[in-house]
Amino acid sequence: MPAVTSKVPGNGTNSLSWTVPGAGMDVESVYAAIDATGAGGAVTAELTIADQSGVVIARKVQGVTVAAGGLGSATWGLRLDDDTGASTPAASGALTLIQKAVLGAPGTFNFTGFPATYNDLLLVMILRSVLVSTVDNPILNVNGDGSNHYSTEYVRGNSISVTASGANPSPSSTIGIIPGASADANEYGFVEITFRGYADTTHNRFKGGNFVSYCSRGVASFPDTVQGGWDWIQTGAITSIQITTNGGGNFTAGSEARLYGLL
């Protein structure tokens, strides 16, 4: 399709934005031409492209020295392709940020309204519990299901000991270990969990995945790592994801969760 262009004055700081016209459009190239007016000198322009969540996916910086009294403007452009030409589709396994939530006050996480068009989902979390304890456990439910439809197996270890545990069936899945309110200040745990075949409606025990967590409670304690797998024993598609705590409370303000789609 034809290039989309616009112009801005050569002096000062300016910005332009475009909305990609419809799904299936790939950014094929980015270009920036620079000129200026006035006293002259070195001029730098930077063109960035970000997705709807604000993540920069392309950047081009171009600089030039302009003579005093030079006339012109900075020209910015995007060239888009609608996949009917030689553009390259996104590679399988590419990550797309779907939703991001950062708690402004103590609370839990509930993801809904995500599309069923990805192969799998990945949830990345940075968590700390309000429970008055050195540790707590993040808990997973899907579709608001609190019945005995989950199975979980995991190994927890540090430099002193390794233990294995699990539950089948159970009303939720325990997906790691995170610091509680009694851990050192500003200590957070990291949890990643996959949802394989989340939109599948055929295979029982197919919707599940793996998880891994890392928990540091402070300088006087050895960090704990947990690695395991989980399963939701139902045939319906996963349409919502709930993350709560084993202690029955909330995550602290500043806890964060990001949901990605995998092609």
Protein backbone atom coordinates (compact mmCIF):
# COMPACT_ATOMS: atom_id res chain seq x y z
CA MET A 1 0.00 0.00 0.00
CA PRO A 2 1.24 3.59 -0.47
CA ALA A 3 3.44 5.25 2.12
CA VAL A 4 1.84 7.30 4.88
CA THR A 5 3.71 10.59 5.35
CA SER A 6 3.44 13.95 7.06
CA LYS A 7 5.61 16.95 7.83
CA VAL A 8 6.47 18.95 10.92
CA PRO A 9 8.52 22.18 11.34
CA GLY A 10 12.25 21.68 11.40
CA ASN A 11 12.82 23.59 14.66
CA GLY A 12 11.82 22.40 18.12
CA THR A 13 10.65 19.07 19.42
CA ASN A 14 7.71 17.53 17.61
CA SER A 15 5.99 14.18 17.32
CA LEU A 16 3.56 12.47 14.99
CA SER A 17 1.51 9.32 15.39
CA TRP A 18 -0.29 6.95 13.04
CA THR A 19 -2.78 4.18 13.59
CA VAL A 20 -2.04 1.07 11.55
CA PRO A 21 -5.19 0.65 9.41
CA GLY A 22 -6.46 -2.77 10.36
CA ALA A 23 -5.20 -6.20 11.37
CA GLY A 24 -2.68 -8.02 9.21
CA MET A 25 -0.57 -4.94 8.49
CA ASP A 26 3.16 -5.32 8.93
CA VAL A 27 5.56 -2.40 9.24
CA GLU A 28 7.75 -2.96 6.21
CA SER A 29 10.15 -0.05 6.62
CA VAL A 30 10.76 3.15 8.53
CA TYR A 31 12.49 6.26 7.27
CA ALA A 32 13.28 9.79 8.45
CA ALA A 33 14.70 12.74 6.48
CA ILE A 34 15.98 15.74 8.43
CA ASP A 35 16.45 19.41 7.62
CA ALA A 36 16.18 22.57 9.72
CA THR A 37 15.88 26.35 9.80
CA GLY A 38 17.54 29.09 11.81
CA ALA A 39 21.09 29.12 13.13
CA GLY A 40 21.95 25.68 11.82
CA GLY A 41 23.97 22.98 13.49
CA ALA A 42 23.57 19.30 14.30
CA VAL A 43 20.01 18.01 14.19
CA THR A 44 18.86 14.57 15.28
CA ALA A 45 15.47 12.98 14.66
CA GLU A 46 14.29 9.71 16.11
CA LEU A 47 11.33 7.79 14.74
CA THR A 48 9.85 5.07 16.95
CA ILE A 49 7.02 2.63 16.37
CA ALA A 50 5.15 1.22 19.36
CA ASP A 51 2.32 -1.26 19.67
CA GLN A 52 -0.95 -0.35 21.36
CA SER A 53 0.44 -1.20 24.79
CA GLY A 54 3.34 1.24 24.33
CA VAL A 55 6.08 -1.34 23.71
CA VAL A 56 8.57 -0.02 21.12
CA ILE A 57 8.87 -2.45 18.23
CA ALA A 58 11.05 -0.36 15.87
CA ARG A 59 13.31 2.65 16.20
CA LYS A 60 15.38 4.64 13.72
CA VAL A 61 17.68 7.54 14.60
CA GLN A 62 19.01 9.84 11.87
CA GLY A 63 21.31 12.84 12.26
CA VAL A 64 22.53 15.59 9.94
CA THR A 65 24.41 18.92 10.15
CA VAL A 66 22.48 21.79 8.58
CA ALA A 67 24.03 25.07 7.42
CA ALA A 68 22.87 28.32 9.03
CA GLY A 69 19.76 29.65 7.35
CA GLY A 70 18.93 26.31 5.84
CA LEU A 71 15.28 25.80 5.03
CA GLY A 72 13.24 22.64 5.13
CA SER A 73 11.32 20.36 7.43
CA ALA A 74 11.55 17.01 9.11
CA THR A 75 9.69 14.37 7.15
CA TRP A 76 8.51 11.24 8.90
CA GLY A 77 7.00 8.23 7.28
CA LEU A 78 5.71 4.71 7.64
CA ARG A 79 5.45 2.26 4.83
CA LEU A 80 2.89 -0.46 5.47
CA ASP A 81 2.19 -3.70 3.69
CA ASP A 82 -1.09 -5.58 3.82
CA ASP A 83 0.49 -9.04 3.46
CA THR A 84 -0.48 -9.29 -0.21
CA GLY A 85 3.08 -8.57 -1.25
CA ALA A 86 6.43 -9.88 -0.10
CA SER A 87 6.11 -8.99 3.57
CA THR A 88 7.03 -11.67 6.08
CA PRO A 89 4.37 -12.81 8.57
CA ALA A 90 5.13 -12.98 12.26
CA ALA A 91 7.14 -16.03 13.20
CA SER A 92 5.55 -18.84 15.14
CA GLY A 93 6.23 -18.44 18.83
CA ALA A 94 6.27 -14.63 18.76
CA LEU A 95 5.06 -12.94 21.94
CA THR A 96 2.34 -10.25 21.97
CA LEU A 97 1.48 -8.32 25.13
CA ILE A 98 -2.30 -8.67 25.63
CA GLN A 99 -2.90 -7.14 29.05
CA LYS A 100 -0.80 -5.63 31.83
CA ALA A 101 -1.97 -4.94 35.39
CA VAL A 102 -0.09 -3.16 38.18
CA LEU A 103 -1.81 -3.02 41.55
CA GLY A 104 -2.23 0.50 42.89
CA ALA A 105 -3.54 -0.93 46.16
CA PRO A 106 -3.48 -4.43 47.71
CA GLY A 107 -5.51 -6.82 45.58
CA THR A 108 -5.53 -9.85 43.29
CA PHE A 109 -5.47 -10.37 39.52
CA ASN A 110 -8.31 -11.33 37.17
CA PHE A 111 -7.67 -11.43 33.43
CA THR A 112 -10.73 -11.55 31.17
CA GLY A 113 -11.62 -10.62 27.61
CA PHE A 114 -8.43 -11.92 26.00
CA PRO A 115 -8.77 -13.30 22.44
CA ALA A 116 -8.92 -17.01 21.61
CA THR A 117 -6.71 -16.56 18.53
CA TYR A 118 -3.33 -17.49 20.04
CA ASN A 119 -1.89 -20.97 20.36
CA ASP A 120 -0.84 -20.49 23.99
CA LEU A 121 -0.65 -17.87 26.73
CA LEU A 122 2.22 -16.81 29.01
CA LEU A 123 1.63 -14.99 32.30
CA VAL A 124 4.62 -13.21 33.87
CA MET A 125 4.21 -11.88 37.43
CA ILE A 126 6.20 -9.88 40.00
CA LEU A 127 4.51 -10.54 43.35
CA ARG A 128 4.64 -9.92 47.07
CA SER A 129 1.93 -10.98 49.55
CA VAL A 130 0.41 -8.97 52.42
CA LEU A 131 0.35 -12.15 54.53
CA VAL A 132 2.33 -11.69 57.77
CA SER A 133 4.81 -14.45 56.97
CA THR A 134 8.13 -14.72 55.19
CA VAL A 135 6.49 -16.59 52.29
CA ASP A 136 3.11 -17.18 50.66
CA ASN A 137 1.91 -19.09 47.59
CA PRO A 138 0.24 -17.67 44.48
CA ILE A 139 -2.89 -19.64 43.54
CA LEU A 140 -4.30 -20.19 40.05
CA ASN A 141 -7.93 -20.65 39.04
CA VAL A 142 -9.44 -20.36 35.59
CA ASN A 143 -12.96 -19.44 34.52
CA GLY A 144 -13.82 -18.83 38.16
CA ASP A 145 -13.80 -22.61 38.73
CA GLY A 146 -13.21 -23.48 42.38
CA SER A 147 -14.14 -27.17 42.10
CA ASN A 148 -11.78 -30.16 42.22
CA HIS A 149 -10.76 -29.86 38.57
CA TYR A 150 -7.02 -29.15 38.97
CA SER A 151 -3.88 -31.23 39.32
CA THR A 152 -0.43 -29.90 40.19
CA GLU A 153 3.06 -31.35 40.60
CA TYR A 154 6.16 -29.36 41.52
CA VAL A 155 9.68 -29.46 42.98
CA ARG A 156 10.89 -26.78 45.42
CA GLY A 157 14.52 -26.35 46.25
CA ASN A 158 17.35 -24.15 47.52
CA SER A 159 21.00 -24.74 48.35
CA ILE A 160 20.06 -26.74 51.48
CA SER A 161 17.14 -29.00 50.54
CA VAL A 162 14.85 -30.16 47.74
CA THR A 163 11.25 -31.32 48.23
CA ALA A 164 8.52 -32.53 45.86
CA SER A 165 4.79 -32.09 46.27
CA GLY A 166 1.53 -31.99 44.38
CA ALA A 167 -2.25 -32.30 44.53
CA ASN A 168 -4.79 -34.19 42.41
CA PRO A 169 -7.60 -33.34 42.32
CA SER A 170 -7.79 -29.96 44.02
CA PRO A 171 -9.89 -26.75 43.79
CA SER A 172 -6.93 -24.71 42.49
CA SER A 173 -3.28 -24.96 41.51
CA THR A 174 -0.41 -23.71 43.67
CA ILE A 175 2.05 -22.16 41.23
CA GLY A 176 5.12 -21.23 43.23
CA ILE A 177 6.35 -19.32 46.25
CA ILE A 178 6.63 -15.55 46.82
CA PRO A 179 7.73 -13.28 49.69
CA GLY A 180 5.25 -12.36 52.40
CA ALA A 181 5.03 -9.20 54.50
CA SER A 182 7.67 -10.49 56.95
CA ALA A 183 10.31 -10.81 54.23
CA ASP A 184 12.85 -8.01 53.81
CA ALA A 185 11.39 -4.75 52.53
CA ASN A 186 10.83 -4.52 48.78
CA GLU A 187 11.55 -8.20 48.17
CA TYR A 188 9.36 -9.55 45.35
CA GLY A 189 9.00 -12.99 43.84
CA PHE A 190 8.91 -13.83 40.14
CA VAL A 191 6.45 -16.30 38.62
CA GLU A 192 5.97 -17.43 35.02
CA ILE A 193 3.19 -19.79 33.96
CA THR A 194 2.10 -21.09 30.56
CA PHE A 195 -1.40 -21.95 29.37
CA ARG A 196 -0.98 -24.50 26.57
CA GLY A 197 -3.90 -24.92 24.18
CA TYR A 198 -6.04 -22.58 26.31
CA ALA A 199 -8.70 -22.18 23.60
CA ASP A 200 -8.96 -25.90 22.83
CA THR A 201 -12.42 -27.42 23.37
CA THR A 202 -11.68 -31.03 22.44
CA HIS A 203 -9.00 -32.53 24.66
CA ASN A 204 -9.67 -33.21 28.32
CA ARG A 205 -6.55 -32.58 30.45
CA PHE A 206 -5.03 -30.68 27.53
CA LYS A 207 -5.31 -27.19 28.99
CA GLY A 208 -2.43 -26.80 31.41
CA GLY A 209 1.21 -25.91 31.30
CA ASN A 210 4.39 -25.33 33.24
CA PHE A 211 5.35 -22.80 35.88
CA VAL A 212 8.52 -21.58 37.52
CA SER A 213 9.05 -19.18 40.41
CA TYR A 214 11.93 -17.55 42.27
CA CYS A 215 11.55 -16.17 45.79
CA SER A 216 14.12 -14.21 47.77
CA ARG A 217 13.06 -13.41 51.34
CA GLY A 218 16.14 -11.37 52.25
CA VAL A 219 19.86 -11.46 52.85
CA ALA A 220 19.57 -13.89 55.78
CA SER A 221 17.69 -16.60 53.83
CA PHE A 222 18.45 -18.80 50.88
CA PRO A 223 16.25 -18.06 47.84
CA ASP A 224 13.74 -20.72 46.83
CA THR A 225 12.97 -21.87 43.31
CA VAL A 226 9.89 -23.87 42.29
CA GLN A 227 9.33 -25.67 39.00
CA GLY A 228 6.27 -27.69 38.10
CA GLY A 229 3.26 -28.32 35.94
CA TRP A 230 -0.49 -27.80 36.27
CA ASP A 231 -3.62 -29.07 34.57
CA TRP A 232 -7.28 -28.01 34.42
CA ILE A 233 -9.34 -31.15 33.96
CA GLN A 234 -12.10 -29.70 31.81
CA THR A 235 -12.84 -29.52 28.08
CA GLY A 236 -14.03 -25.90 27.84
CA ALA A 237 -11.83 -23.08 26.60
CA ILE A 238 -10.08 -20.92 29.20
CA THR A 239 -11.70 -17.48 29.04
CA SER A 240 -10.54 -15.93 32.32
CA ILE A 241 -7.59 -16.31 34.71
CA GLN A 242 -7.62 -15.60 38.46
CA ILE A 243 -4.45 -15.26 40.56
CA THR A 244 -4.92 -15.08 44.34
CA THR A 245 -2.87 -16.06 47.41
CA ASN A 246 -2.81 -19.17 49.54
CA GLY A 247 -2.99 -17.02 52.67
CA GLY A 248 -6.42 -15.78 51.60
CA GLY A 249 -5.28 -12.17 51.37
CA ASN A 250 -3.97 -9.86 48.69
CA PHE A 251 -0.81 -9.05 46.82
CA THR A 252 0.84 -5.77 47.81
CA ALA A 253 0.52 -2.56 45.86
CA GLY A 254 3.15 -2.54 43.11
CA SER A 255 2.68 -6.23 42.31
CA GLU A 256 2.48 -6.69 38.56
CA ALA A 257 1.16 -9.24 36.05
CA ARG A 258 1.57 -9.29 32.26
CA LEU A 259 -0.35 -11.61 29.95
CA TYR A 260 1.19 -12.49 26.58
CA GLY A 261 -0.16 -14.39 23.59
CA LEU A 262 2.04 -16.91 21.73
CA LEU A 263 1.44 -17.50 18.04
